[in-house]
N, C-alpha and C. Protein backbone atom coordinates (compact mmCIF):
# COMPACT_ATOMS: atom_id res chain seq x y z
N MET A 1 50.09 24.65 -9.72
CA MET A 1 49.46 24.79 -8.44
C MET A 1 49.49 23.48 -7.65
N PHE A 2 49.25 22.36 -8.36
CA PHE A 2 49.27 21.06 -7.70
C PHE A 2 50.65 20.77 -7.11
N ALA A 3 51.69 21.30 -7.77
CA ALA A 3 53.06 21.08 -7.31
C ALA A 3 53.32 21.77 -5.98
N ARG A 4 52.59 22.83 -5.66
CA ARG A 4 52.81 23.55 -4.42
C ARG A 4 52.13 22.89 -3.22
N ILE A 5 51.32 21.89 -3.46
CA ILE A 5 50.63 21.20 -2.37
C ILE A 5 51.57 20.15 -1.80
N SER A 6 51.70 20.15 -0.50
CA SER A 6 52.62 19.21 0.14
C SER A 6 52.07 17.78 0.05
N ILE A 7 52.94 16.83 0.26
CA ILE A 7 52.55 15.42 0.25
C ILE A 7 51.52 15.14 1.32
N ALA A 8 51.69 15.73 2.49
CA ALA A 8 50.72 15.53 3.58
C ALA A 8 49.35 16.05 3.18
N GLN A 9 49.32 17.21 2.51
CA GLN A 9 48.05 17.77 2.06
C GLN A 9 47.41 16.88 0.99
N ARG A 10 48.23 16.33 0.13
CA ARG A 10 47.72 15.42 -0.90
C ARG A 10 47.13 14.17 -0.27
N ILE A 11 47.80 13.63 0.73
CA ILE A 11 47.30 12.44 1.43
C ILE A 11 45.97 12.75 2.10
N TRP A 12 45.89 13.91 2.78
CA TRP A 12 44.63 14.31 3.42
C TRP A 12 43.52 14.48 2.39
N ALA A 13 43.83 15.09 1.26
CA ALA A 13 42.84 15.29 0.21
C ALA A 13 42.33 13.96 -0.33
N LEU A 14 43.25 13.02 -0.53
CA LEU A 14 42.85 11.68 -1.00
C LEU A 14 42.00 10.96 0.06
N ALA A 15 42.37 11.11 1.32
CA ALA A 15 41.60 10.48 2.40
C ALA A 15 40.19 11.06 2.45
N ILE A 16 40.09 12.38 2.37
CA ILE A 16 38.76 13.03 2.39
C ILE A 16 37.95 12.62 1.17
N LEU A 17 38.58 12.58 0.01
CA LEU A 17 37.90 12.16 -1.21
C LEU A 17 37.42 10.71 -1.08
N SER A 18 38.25 9.84 -0.53
CA SER A 18 37.87 8.44 -0.34
C SER A 18 36.66 8.31 0.59
N VAL A 19 36.69 9.05 1.70
CA VAL A 19 35.56 9.02 2.64
C VAL A 19 34.30 9.51 1.94
N ALA A 20 34.41 10.58 1.16
CA ALA A 20 33.25 11.13 0.45
C ALA A 20 32.68 10.12 -0.54
N ILE A 21 33.57 9.45 -1.26
CA ILE A 21 33.13 8.46 -2.25
C ILE A 21 32.45 7.28 -1.55
N PHE A 22 33.07 6.75 -0.51
CA PHE A 22 32.47 5.61 0.19
C PHE A 22 31.17 5.99 0.89
N SER A 23 31.09 7.20 1.41
CA SER A 23 29.84 7.66 2.05
C SER A 23 28.72 7.77 1.02
N THR A 24 29.06 8.28 -0.15
CA THR A 24 28.06 8.40 -1.21
C THR A 24 27.58 7.02 -1.65
N ILE A 25 28.51 6.09 -1.82
CA ILE A 25 28.14 4.73 -2.21
C ILE A 25 27.25 4.10 -1.14
N TYR A 26 27.60 4.31 0.13
CA TYR A 26 26.81 3.76 1.24
C TYR A 26 25.39 4.34 1.24
N LEU A 27 25.28 5.65 1.06
CA LEU A 27 23.96 6.28 1.03
C LEU A 27 23.13 5.78 -0.15
N LEU A 28 23.74 5.69 -1.31
CA LEU A 28 23.01 5.19 -2.48
C LEU A 28 22.54 3.76 -2.26
N ASP A 29 23.39 2.93 -1.65
CA ASP A 29 23.03 1.55 -1.36
C ASP A 29 21.88 1.49 -0.36
N THR A 30 21.92 2.35 0.64
CA THR A 30 20.87 2.38 1.66
C THR A 30 19.54 2.80 1.04
N PHE A 31 19.56 3.82 0.19
CA PHE A 31 18.33 4.24 -0.50
C PHE A 31 17.82 3.12 -1.41
N HIS A 32 18.72 2.42 -2.05
CA HIS A 32 18.33 1.30 -2.91
C HIS A 32 17.66 0.20 -2.09
N LYS A 33 18.20 -0.12 -0.92
CA LYS A 33 17.59 -1.13 -0.05
C LYS A 33 16.19 -0.72 0.37
N ARG A 34 16.02 0.58 0.69
CA ARG A 34 14.70 1.07 1.07
C ARG A 34 13.72 0.88 -0.10
N ASP A 35 14.16 1.23 -1.31
CA ASP A 35 13.30 1.06 -2.48
C ASP A 35 12.94 -0.41 -2.70
N GLU A 36 13.90 -1.31 -2.46
CA GLU A 36 13.62 -2.75 -2.61
C GLU A 36 12.59 -3.22 -1.59
N LEU A 37 12.69 -2.75 -0.35
CA LEU A 37 11.71 -3.13 0.67
C LEU A 37 10.32 -2.65 0.28
N LEU A 38 10.23 -1.42 -0.18
CA LEU A 38 8.93 -0.87 -0.59
C LEU A 38 8.39 -1.63 -1.80
N SER A 39 9.24 -1.95 -2.74
CA SER A 39 8.83 -2.70 -3.92
C SER A 39 8.30 -4.08 -3.54
N ALA A 40 8.94 -4.73 -2.58
CA ALA A 40 8.49 -6.04 -2.12
C ALA A 40 7.10 -5.94 -1.48
N LYS A 41 6.87 -4.89 -0.70
CA LYS A 41 5.54 -4.70 -0.09
C LYS A 41 4.49 -4.47 -1.18
N LYS A 42 4.85 -3.67 -2.17
CA LYS A 42 3.91 -3.41 -3.26
C LYS A 42 3.56 -4.68 -4.02
N ASP A 43 4.58 -5.48 -4.32
CA ASP A 43 4.33 -6.74 -5.02
C ASP A 43 3.40 -7.65 -4.22
N ARG A 44 3.64 -7.68 -2.92
CA ARG A 44 2.82 -8.53 -2.05
C ARG A 44 1.37 -8.04 -2.02
N LEU A 45 1.17 -6.74 -1.87
CA LEU A 45 -0.19 -6.19 -1.86
C LEU A 45 -0.91 -6.49 -3.17
N ASN A 46 -0.20 -6.35 -4.27
CA ASN A 46 -0.78 -6.64 -5.58
C ASN A 46 -1.25 -8.09 -5.63
N GLY A 47 -0.42 -9.02 -5.19
CA GLY A 47 -0.79 -10.43 -5.20
C GLY A 47 -1.95 -10.75 -4.28
N LEU A 48 -1.96 -10.12 -3.11
CA LEU A 48 -3.06 -10.36 -2.17
C LEU A 48 -4.39 -9.87 -2.73
N VAL A 49 -4.39 -8.68 -3.30
CA VAL A 49 -5.62 -8.15 -3.89
C VAL A 49 -6.05 -9.00 -5.08
N ALA A 50 -5.11 -9.52 -5.83
CA ALA A 50 -5.45 -10.41 -6.95
C ALA A 50 -6.20 -11.63 -6.45
N THR A 51 -5.84 -12.13 -5.28
CA THR A 51 -6.55 -13.28 -4.70
C THR A 51 -8.00 -12.93 -4.42
N ALA A 52 -8.22 -11.80 -3.75
CA ALA A 52 -9.59 -11.38 -3.45
C ALA A 52 -10.37 -11.10 -4.73
N HIS A 53 -9.70 -10.50 -5.70
CA HIS A 53 -10.33 -10.20 -6.99
C HIS A 53 -10.76 -11.50 -7.68
N SER A 54 -9.92 -12.53 -7.59
CA SER A 54 -10.27 -13.80 -8.24
C SER A 54 -11.46 -14.47 -7.56
N ILE A 55 -11.63 -14.22 -6.27
CA ILE A 55 -12.80 -14.76 -5.57
C ILE A 55 -14.07 -14.15 -6.17
N MET A 56 -14.05 -12.84 -6.38
CA MET A 56 -15.22 -12.19 -7.00
C MET A 56 -15.43 -12.72 -8.41
N ALA A 57 -14.34 -12.88 -9.16
CA ALA A 57 -14.46 -13.40 -10.53
C ALA A 57 -15.06 -14.80 -10.54
N GLY A 58 -14.67 -15.62 -9.56
CA GLY A 58 -15.23 -16.98 -9.47
C GLY A 58 -16.73 -16.97 -9.22
N PHE A 59 -17.16 -16.11 -8.33
CA PHE A 59 -18.60 -16.02 -8.06
C PHE A 59 -19.34 -15.40 -9.23
N ASP A 60 -18.72 -14.44 -9.91
CA ASP A 60 -19.35 -13.83 -11.08
C ASP A 60 -19.49 -14.86 -12.20
N ALA A 61 -18.54 -15.77 -12.30
CA ALA A 61 -18.63 -16.84 -13.31
C ALA A 61 -19.85 -17.71 -13.04
N GLN A 62 -20.20 -17.90 -11.78
CA GLN A 62 -21.39 -18.68 -11.44
C GLN A 62 -22.67 -17.93 -11.83
N VAL A 63 -22.61 -16.60 -11.79
CA VAL A 63 -23.75 -15.80 -12.27
C VAL A 63 -23.91 -16.02 -13.76
N THR A 64 -22.79 -15.93 -14.49
CA THR A 64 -22.81 -16.13 -15.94
C THR A 64 -23.31 -17.53 -16.29
N ALA A 65 -22.93 -18.51 -15.49
CA ALA A 65 -23.35 -19.90 -15.73
C ALA A 65 -24.81 -20.13 -15.32
N GLY A 66 -25.37 -19.19 -14.58
CA GLY A 66 -26.76 -19.33 -14.17
C GLY A 66 -26.96 -20.12 -12.89
N THR A 67 -25.88 -20.45 -12.19
CA THR A 67 -26.03 -21.23 -10.95
C THR A 67 -26.27 -20.36 -9.72
N LEU A 68 -25.98 -19.05 -9.82
CA LEU A 68 -26.23 -18.11 -8.74
C LEU A 68 -26.80 -16.82 -9.32
N SER A 69 -27.65 -16.17 -8.56
CA SER A 69 -28.08 -14.84 -8.96
C SER A 69 -26.93 -13.87 -8.63
N ARG A 70 -26.99 -12.69 -9.20
CA ARG A 70 -25.95 -11.70 -8.92
C ARG A 70 -25.92 -11.36 -7.42
N GLU A 71 -27.08 -11.20 -6.82
CA GLU A 71 -27.15 -10.88 -5.40
C GLU A 71 -26.56 -12.00 -4.55
N GLU A 72 -26.85 -13.24 -4.91
CA GLU A 72 -26.29 -14.38 -4.17
C GLU A 72 -24.76 -14.42 -4.31
N ALA A 73 -24.29 -14.18 -5.51
CA ALA A 73 -22.84 -14.20 -5.76
C ALA A 73 -22.16 -13.08 -4.99
N GLN A 74 -22.73 -11.89 -5.00
CA GLN A 74 -22.14 -10.76 -4.28
C GLN A 74 -22.13 -11.02 -2.78
N SER A 75 -23.21 -11.56 -2.28
CA SER A 75 -23.28 -11.86 -0.85
C SER A 75 -22.24 -12.91 -0.45
N ALA A 76 -22.10 -13.93 -1.28
CA ALA A 76 -21.12 -14.99 -1.01
C ALA A 76 -19.70 -14.43 -1.08
N ALA A 77 -19.42 -13.60 -2.08
CA ALA A 77 -18.09 -13.00 -2.22
C ALA A 77 -17.77 -12.12 -1.02
N LYS A 78 -18.72 -11.31 -0.60
CA LYS A 78 -18.51 -10.46 0.59
C LYS A 78 -18.19 -11.32 1.81
N GLY A 79 -18.92 -12.43 1.97
CA GLY A 79 -18.69 -13.31 3.11
C GLY A 79 -17.29 -13.91 3.11
N VAL A 80 -16.87 -14.40 1.97
CA VAL A 80 -15.54 -15.02 1.88
C VAL A 80 -14.45 -13.98 2.09
N ILE A 81 -14.55 -12.86 1.40
CA ILE A 81 -13.50 -11.83 1.49
C ILE A 81 -13.45 -11.22 2.88
N SER A 82 -14.58 -11.11 3.55
CA SER A 82 -14.58 -10.53 4.90
C SER A 82 -13.81 -11.38 5.90
N ARG A 83 -13.69 -12.67 5.61
CA ARG A 83 -12.96 -13.58 6.52
C ARG A 83 -11.49 -13.75 6.16
N LEU A 84 -11.08 -13.24 5.03
CA LEU A 84 -9.67 -13.37 4.63
C LEU A 84 -8.78 -12.53 5.54
N ARG A 85 -7.69 -13.12 5.98
CA ARG A 85 -6.69 -12.39 6.78
C ARG A 85 -5.30 -12.82 6.33
N TYR A 86 -4.35 -11.94 6.52
CA TYR A 86 -2.94 -12.25 6.31
C TYR A 86 -2.16 -11.50 7.37
N ASP A 87 -0.99 -11.98 7.66
CA ASP A 87 -0.16 -11.40 8.72
C ASP A 87 -0.94 -11.26 10.03
N GLY A 88 -1.83 -12.19 10.28
CA GLY A 88 -2.57 -12.22 11.54
C GLY A 88 -3.80 -11.36 11.59
N GLN A 89 -3.67 -10.08 11.25
CA GLN A 89 -4.81 -9.18 11.41
C GLN A 89 -5.14 -8.32 10.19
N GLN A 90 -4.35 -8.42 9.15
CA GLN A 90 -4.60 -7.61 7.95
C GLN A 90 -5.81 -8.16 7.20
N TYR A 91 -6.56 -7.28 6.57
CA TYR A 91 -7.86 -7.62 5.99
C TYR A 91 -8.05 -6.92 4.64
N PHE A 92 -9.18 -7.19 4.02
CA PHE A 92 -9.59 -6.58 2.76
C PHE A 92 -10.90 -5.84 2.99
N TRP A 93 -11.13 -4.81 2.22
CA TRP A 93 -12.42 -4.14 2.24
C TRP A 93 -12.93 -4.04 0.82
N LEU A 94 -14.22 -3.75 0.70
CA LEU A 94 -14.85 -3.53 -0.60
C LEU A 94 -15.60 -2.20 -0.55
N ASN A 95 -15.50 -1.44 -1.62
CA ASN A 95 -16.34 -0.25 -1.77
C ASN A 95 -16.78 -0.16 -3.21
N ASP A 96 -17.79 0.67 -3.46
CA ASP A 96 -18.24 0.84 -4.83
C ASP A 96 -17.62 2.10 -5.41
N MET A 97 -18.06 2.47 -6.59
CA MET A 97 -17.45 3.60 -7.29
C MET A 97 -18.03 4.95 -6.87
N HIS A 98 -18.98 4.96 -5.96
CA HIS A 98 -19.57 6.23 -5.51
C HIS A 98 -18.59 7.09 -4.72
N PRO A 99 -18.00 6.85 -3.69
CA PRO A 99 -17.76 5.59 -2.97
C PRO A 99 -18.64 5.41 -1.72
N ARG A 100 -19.18 4.19 -1.67
CA ARG A 100 -19.87 3.69 -0.48
C ARG A 100 -19.17 2.40 -0.07
N VAL A 101 -19.10 2.15 1.21
CA VAL A 101 -18.49 0.91 1.67
C VAL A 101 -19.46 -0.23 1.39
N VAL A 102 -18.98 -1.26 0.75
CA VAL A 102 -19.76 -2.47 0.49
C VAL A 102 -19.55 -3.45 1.64
N MET A 103 -18.27 -3.56 2.10
CA MET A 103 -17.95 -4.47 3.20
C MET A 103 -16.65 -4.01 3.84
N HIS A 104 -16.66 -3.94 5.16
CA HIS A 104 -15.45 -3.63 5.92
C HIS A 104 -15.47 -4.52 7.16
N PRO A 105 -14.60 -5.55 7.22
CA PRO A 105 -14.69 -6.53 8.30
C PRO A 105 -14.34 -5.99 9.69
N ILE A 106 -13.56 -4.94 9.76
CA ILE A 106 -13.16 -4.37 11.05
C ILE A 106 -14.18 -3.35 11.53
N LYS A 107 -14.78 -2.65 10.60
CA LYS A 107 -15.80 -1.64 10.92
C LYS A 107 -17.07 -1.93 10.12
N PRO A 108 -17.80 -2.97 10.51
CA PRO A 108 -19.00 -3.34 9.75
C PRO A 108 -20.07 -2.25 9.72
N GLU A 109 -20.01 -1.33 10.68
CA GLU A 109 -20.98 -0.23 10.70
C GLU A 109 -20.82 0.70 9.49
N LEU A 110 -19.71 0.61 8.78
CA LEU A 110 -19.50 1.43 7.59
C LEU A 110 -20.25 0.92 6.37
N ALA A 111 -20.69 -0.33 6.40
CA ALA A 111 -21.37 -0.91 5.23
C ALA A 111 -22.55 -0.03 4.81
N GLY A 112 -22.56 0.32 3.54
CA GLY A 112 -23.61 1.16 2.98
C GLY A 112 -23.38 2.65 3.17
N GLN A 113 -22.37 3.02 3.93
CA GLN A 113 -22.11 4.43 4.22
C GLN A 113 -21.39 5.12 3.07
N ASP A 114 -21.79 6.36 2.81
CA ASP A 114 -21.10 7.21 1.84
C ASP A 114 -19.80 7.68 2.51
N VAL A 115 -18.67 7.32 1.92
CA VAL A 115 -17.37 7.68 2.50
C VAL A 115 -16.58 8.62 1.57
N THR A 116 -17.32 9.37 0.77
CA THR A 116 -16.71 10.30 -0.16
C THR A 116 -15.75 11.25 0.54
N ASN A 117 -16.14 11.73 1.71
CA ASN A 117 -15.35 12.75 2.40
C ASN A 117 -14.53 12.22 3.56
N LEU A 118 -14.44 10.90 3.71
CA LEU A 118 -13.62 10.33 4.78
C LEU A 118 -12.15 10.65 4.49
N GLN A 119 -11.50 11.32 5.44
CA GLN A 119 -10.13 11.78 5.22
C GLN A 119 -9.17 11.16 6.23
N ASP A 120 -7.90 11.08 5.81
CA ASP A 120 -6.87 10.73 6.78
C ASP A 120 -6.57 11.99 7.59
N LYS A 121 -5.67 11.89 8.53
CA LYS A 121 -5.39 13.00 9.43
C LYS A 121 -4.69 14.17 8.74
N LYS A 122 -4.26 13.96 7.51
CA LYS A 122 -3.60 15.05 6.77
C LYS A 122 -4.50 15.59 5.66
N GLY A 123 -5.75 15.14 5.62
CA GLY A 123 -6.71 15.70 4.68
C GLY A 123 -6.92 14.95 3.39
N LYS A 124 -6.28 13.80 3.18
CA LYS A 124 -6.48 13.04 1.94
C LYS A 124 -7.81 12.29 2.03
N ARG A 125 -8.64 12.47 1.04
CA ARG A 125 -9.94 11.77 1.00
C ARG A 125 -9.69 10.36 0.45
N LEU A 126 -9.58 9.41 1.37
CA LEU A 126 -9.13 8.06 1.05
C LEU A 126 -9.96 7.36 -0.02
N TYR A 127 -11.23 7.18 0.27
CA TYR A 127 -12.06 6.40 -0.64
C TYR A 127 -12.25 7.12 -1.98
N SER A 128 -12.31 8.43 -1.95
CA SER A 128 -12.37 9.18 -3.21
C SER A 128 -11.10 8.95 -4.02
N GLU A 129 -9.96 8.85 -3.32
CA GLU A 129 -8.70 8.58 -3.99
C GLU A 129 -8.67 7.14 -4.55
N PHE A 130 -9.23 6.19 -3.78
CA PHE A 130 -9.31 4.81 -4.27
C PHE A 130 -10.09 4.78 -5.58
N VAL A 131 -11.23 5.47 -5.61
CA VAL A 131 -12.06 5.51 -6.81
C VAL A 131 -11.31 6.19 -7.95
N ARG A 132 -10.65 7.31 -7.67
CA ARG A 132 -9.92 8.02 -8.71
C ARG A 132 -8.86 7.14 -9.36
N VAL A 133 -8.10 6.42 -8.52
CA VAL A 133 -7.04 5.55 -9.04
C VAL A 133 -7.63 4.44 -9.90
N VAL A 134 -8.71 3.82 -9.45
CA VAL A 134 -9.32 2.72 -10.21
C VAL A 134 -9.91 3.24 -11.52
N LYS A 135 -10.57 4.38 -11.49
CA LYS A 135 -11.12 4.94 -12.73
C LYS A 135 -10.01 5.28 -13.72
N ALA A 136 -8.90 5.79 -13.23
CA ALA A 136 -7.80 6.21 -14.11
C ALA A 136 -6.97 5.04 -14.61
N GLU A 137 -6.72 4.05 -13.74
CA GLU A 137 -5.74 3.02 -14.08
C GLU A 137 -6.24 1.59 -13.92
N GLY A 138 -7.41 1.40 -13.36
CA GLY A 138 -7.92 0.05 -13.11
C GLY A 138 -7.48 -0.50 -11.77
N SER A 139 -6.30 -0.09 -11.34
CA SER A 139 -5.75 -0.51 -10.05
C SER A 139 -4.58 0.39 -9.72
N GLY A 140 -4.17 0.36 -8.46
CA GLY A 140 -3.00 1.16 -8.11
C GLY A 140 -2.83 1.34 -6.62
N PHE A 141 -1.81 2.10 -6.27
CA PHE A 141 -1.45 2.32 -4.87
C PHE A 141 -1.90 3.69 -4.41
N VAL A 142 -2.29 3.75 -3.15
CA VAL A 142 -2.65 5.01 -2.50
C VAL A 142 -1.93 5.03 -1.17
N ASP A 143 -1.18 6.10 -0.94
CA ASP A 143 -0.50 6.24 0.35
C ASP A 143 -1.23 7.30 1.18
N TYR A 144 -1.22 7.09 2.49
CA TYR A 144 -1.90 8.02 3.39
C TYR A 144 -1.39 7.76 4.80
N TYR A 145 -1.92 8.51 5.76
CA TYR A 145 -1.52 8.36 7.15
C TYR A 145 -2.73 7.91 7.97
N TRP A 146 -2.50 6.94 8.84
CA TRP A 146 -3.58 6.38 9.64
C TRP A 146 -3.05 6.01 11.01
N THR A 147 -3.94 5.91 11.96
CA THR A 147 -3.52 5.47 13.30
C THR A 147 -3.50 3.95 13.33
N LYS A 148 -2.54 3.41 14.04
CA LYS A 148 -2.47 1.96 14.22
C LYS A 148 -3.36 1.56 15.38
N PRO A 149 -3.95 0.38 15.32
CA PRO A 149 -4.73 -0.09 16.47
C PRO A 149 -3.85 -0.09 17.72
N GLY A 150 -4.37 0.50 18.79
CA GLY A 150 -3.63 0.54 20.04
C GLY A 150 -2.61 1.65 20.12
N SER A 151 -2.64 2.58 19.16
CA SER A 151 -1.66 3.66 19.14
C SER A 151 -2.36 4.97 18.81
N ASP A 152 -1.81 6.05 19.30
CA ASP A 152 -2.38 7.37 19.01
C ASP A 152 -1.67 8.07 17.85
N GLY A 153 -0.48 7.60 17.50
CA GLY A 153 0.31 8.28 16.48
C GLY A 153 -0.18 8.03 15.08
N LEU A 154 0.26 8.89 14.16
CA LEU A 154 -0.01 8.71 12.74
C LEU A 154 1.12 7.92 12.11
N TYR A 155 0.77 6.98 11.26
CA TYR A 155 1.76 6.14 10.60
C TYR A 155 1.48 6.11 9.11
N PRO A 156 2.54 6.08 8.30
CA PRO A 156 2.32 5.97 6.86
C PRO A 156 1.76 4.60 6.51
N LYS A 157 0.78 4.61 5.64
CA LYS A 157 0.14 3.37 5.22
C LYS A 157 0.06 3.37 3.70
N LEU A 158 0.17 2.19 3.13
CA LEU A 158 0.10 2.03 1.68
C LEU A 158 -0.99 1.01 1.38
N SER A 159 -1.93 1.38 0.55
CA SER A 159 -2.99 0.46 0.15
C SER A 159 -2.92 0.22 -1.35
N TYR A 160 -3.37 -0.96 -1.73
CA TYR A 160 -3.50 -1.30 -3.14
C TYR A 160 -4.97 -1.57 -3.39
N VAL A 161 -5.49 -0.97 -4.46
CA VAL A 161 -6.90 -1.13 -4.80
C VAL A 161 -7.02 -1.59 -6.25
N ARG A 162 -8.06 -2.37 -6.49
CA ARG A 162 -8.29 -2.88 -7.85
C ARG A 162 -9.80 -2.95 -8.08
N GLY A 163 -10.20 -2.47 -9.25
CA GLY A 163 -11.61 -2.48 -9.58
C GLY A 163 -12.08 -3.84 -10.09
N PHE A 164 -13.35 -4.13 -9.80
CA PHE A 164 -14.00 -5.31 -10.36
C PHE A 164 -15.20 -4.80 -11.16
N LYS A 165 -14.98 -4.61 -12.47
CA LYS A 165 -15.95 -3.95 -13.34
C LYS A 165 -17.33 -4.58 -13.34
N PRO A 166 -17.46 -5.91 -13.40
CA PRO A 166 -18.81 -6.47 -13.50
C PRO A 166 -19.76 -6.00 -12.39
N TRP A 167 -19.23 -5.73 -11.22
CA TRP A 167 -20.08 -5.33 -10.10
C TRP A 167 -19.88 -3.86 -9.72
N GLY A 168 -18.93 -3.20 -10.33
CA GLY A 168 -18.66 -1.81 -9.98
C GLY A 168 -18.05 -1.67 -8.59
N TRP A 169 -17.32 -2.68 -8.18
CA TRP A 169 -16.72 -2.69 -6.85
C TRP A 169 -15.22 -2.47 -6.93
N ILE A 170 -14.67 -2.07 -5.80
CA ILE A 170 -13.23 -1.95 -5.63
C ILE A 170 -12.85 -2.80 -4.43
N VAL A 171 -11.82 -3.62 -4.59
CA VAL A 171 -11.29 -4.39 -3.46
C VAL A 171 -9.93 -3.80 -3.12
N GLY A 172 -9.67 -3.69 -1.83
CA GLY A 172 -8.39 -3.13 -1.42
C GLY A 172 -7.90 -3.70 -0.11
N THR A 173 -6.63 -3.51 0.12
CA THR A 173 -6.00 -3.85 1.39
C THR A 173 -4.79 -2.93 1.56
N GLY A 174 -4.36 -2.78 2.79
CA GLY A 174 -3.22 -1.89 3.03
C GLY A 174 -2.37 -2.35 4.19
N VAL A 175 -1.14 -1.87 4.18
CA VAL A 175 -0.20 -2.19 5.25
C VAL A 175 0.52 -0.91 5.68
N TYR A 176 0.90 -0.90 6.94
CA TYR A 176 1.71 0.21 7.44
C TYR A 176 3.12 0.04 6.91
N ILE A 177 3.73 1.14 6.55
CA ILE A 177 5.08 1.06 5.97
C ILE A 177 6.11 1.79 6.83
N ASN A 178 5.77 2.09 8.06
CA ASN A 178 6.73 2.77 8.93
C ASN A 178 7.93 1.88 9.23
N ASP A 179 7.76 0.56 9.13
CA ASP A 179 8.90 -0.34 9.38
C ASP A 179 10.01 -0.12 8.35
N ILE A 180 9.64 0.25 7.13
CA ILE A 180 10.64 0.54 6.10
C ILE A 180 11.43 1.78 6.49
N ASP A 181 10.72 2.81 6.91
CA ASP A 181 11.40 4.04 7.32
C ASP A 181 12.26 3.82 8.56
N GLU A 182 11.78 2.99 9.49
CA GLU A 182 12.57 2.70 10.69
C GLU A 182 13.84 1.95 10.33
N ALA A 183 13.75 0.98 9.44
CA ALA A 183 14.93 0.24 9.00
C ALA A 183 15.90 1.17 8.26
N PHE A 184 15.34 2.07 7.47
CA PHE A 184 16.16 3.03 6.73
C PHE A 184 16.92 3.94 7.70
N LYS A 185 16.22 4.48 8.68
CA LYS A 185 16.86 5.37 9.66
C LYS A 185 17.91 4.61 10.47
N ALA A 186 17.61 3.36 10.83
CA ALA A 186 18.58 2.57 11.61
C ALA A 186 19.83 2.33 10.77
N GLU A 187 19.66 2.07 9.50
CA GLU A 187 20.82 1.85 8.62
C GLU A 187 21.64 3.13 8.49
N LEU A 188 20.98 4.26 8.39
CA LEU A 188 21.69 5.53 8.27
C LEU A 188 22.45 5.90 9.54
N SER A 189 21.92 5.47 10.68
CA SER A 189 22.56 5.85 11.95
C SER A 189 23.73 4.94 12.31
N LYS A 190 24.01 3.94 11.51
CA LYS A 190 25.13 3.02 11.78
C LYS A 190 26.44 3.75 11.64
């Protein structure tokens, strides 16, 4: 059967096969780049939360040493963490295992509020999910959709949360990840 195919048809078949192979390699490479970008964001969030976590650990060590009461240490930790920023406007929040907000620097009116049923626009109960992840794994990522300041649209957001057992608190921070999807789509449209 192969003998009945003309040389021109064989050349066309090889050309089409070559295009298919190179297209597949390009797509796989593009997906790999997207995964690398997401992995870099995850690594960064993990490191940032570790910094806030170490602040709480430092104040808790002062409780153990007897130089601060637990209430003084918690108040001092909330004050320091509430002022932490990265990338200009990104922040950290604290909640307990109920979940109630312990500290939220952007929305201070949430402090002490029960946020068990606070949902994103697609129905995910954010703080309940933060607690679930910490109870199950000690720390982890939660993805959800949120509005950006100054925008009406929904954007994918990724948060990293980590429990601080001595106080029953969770520290977390999150970043929008739509830039990864935009870069991915731009690469695909080339």
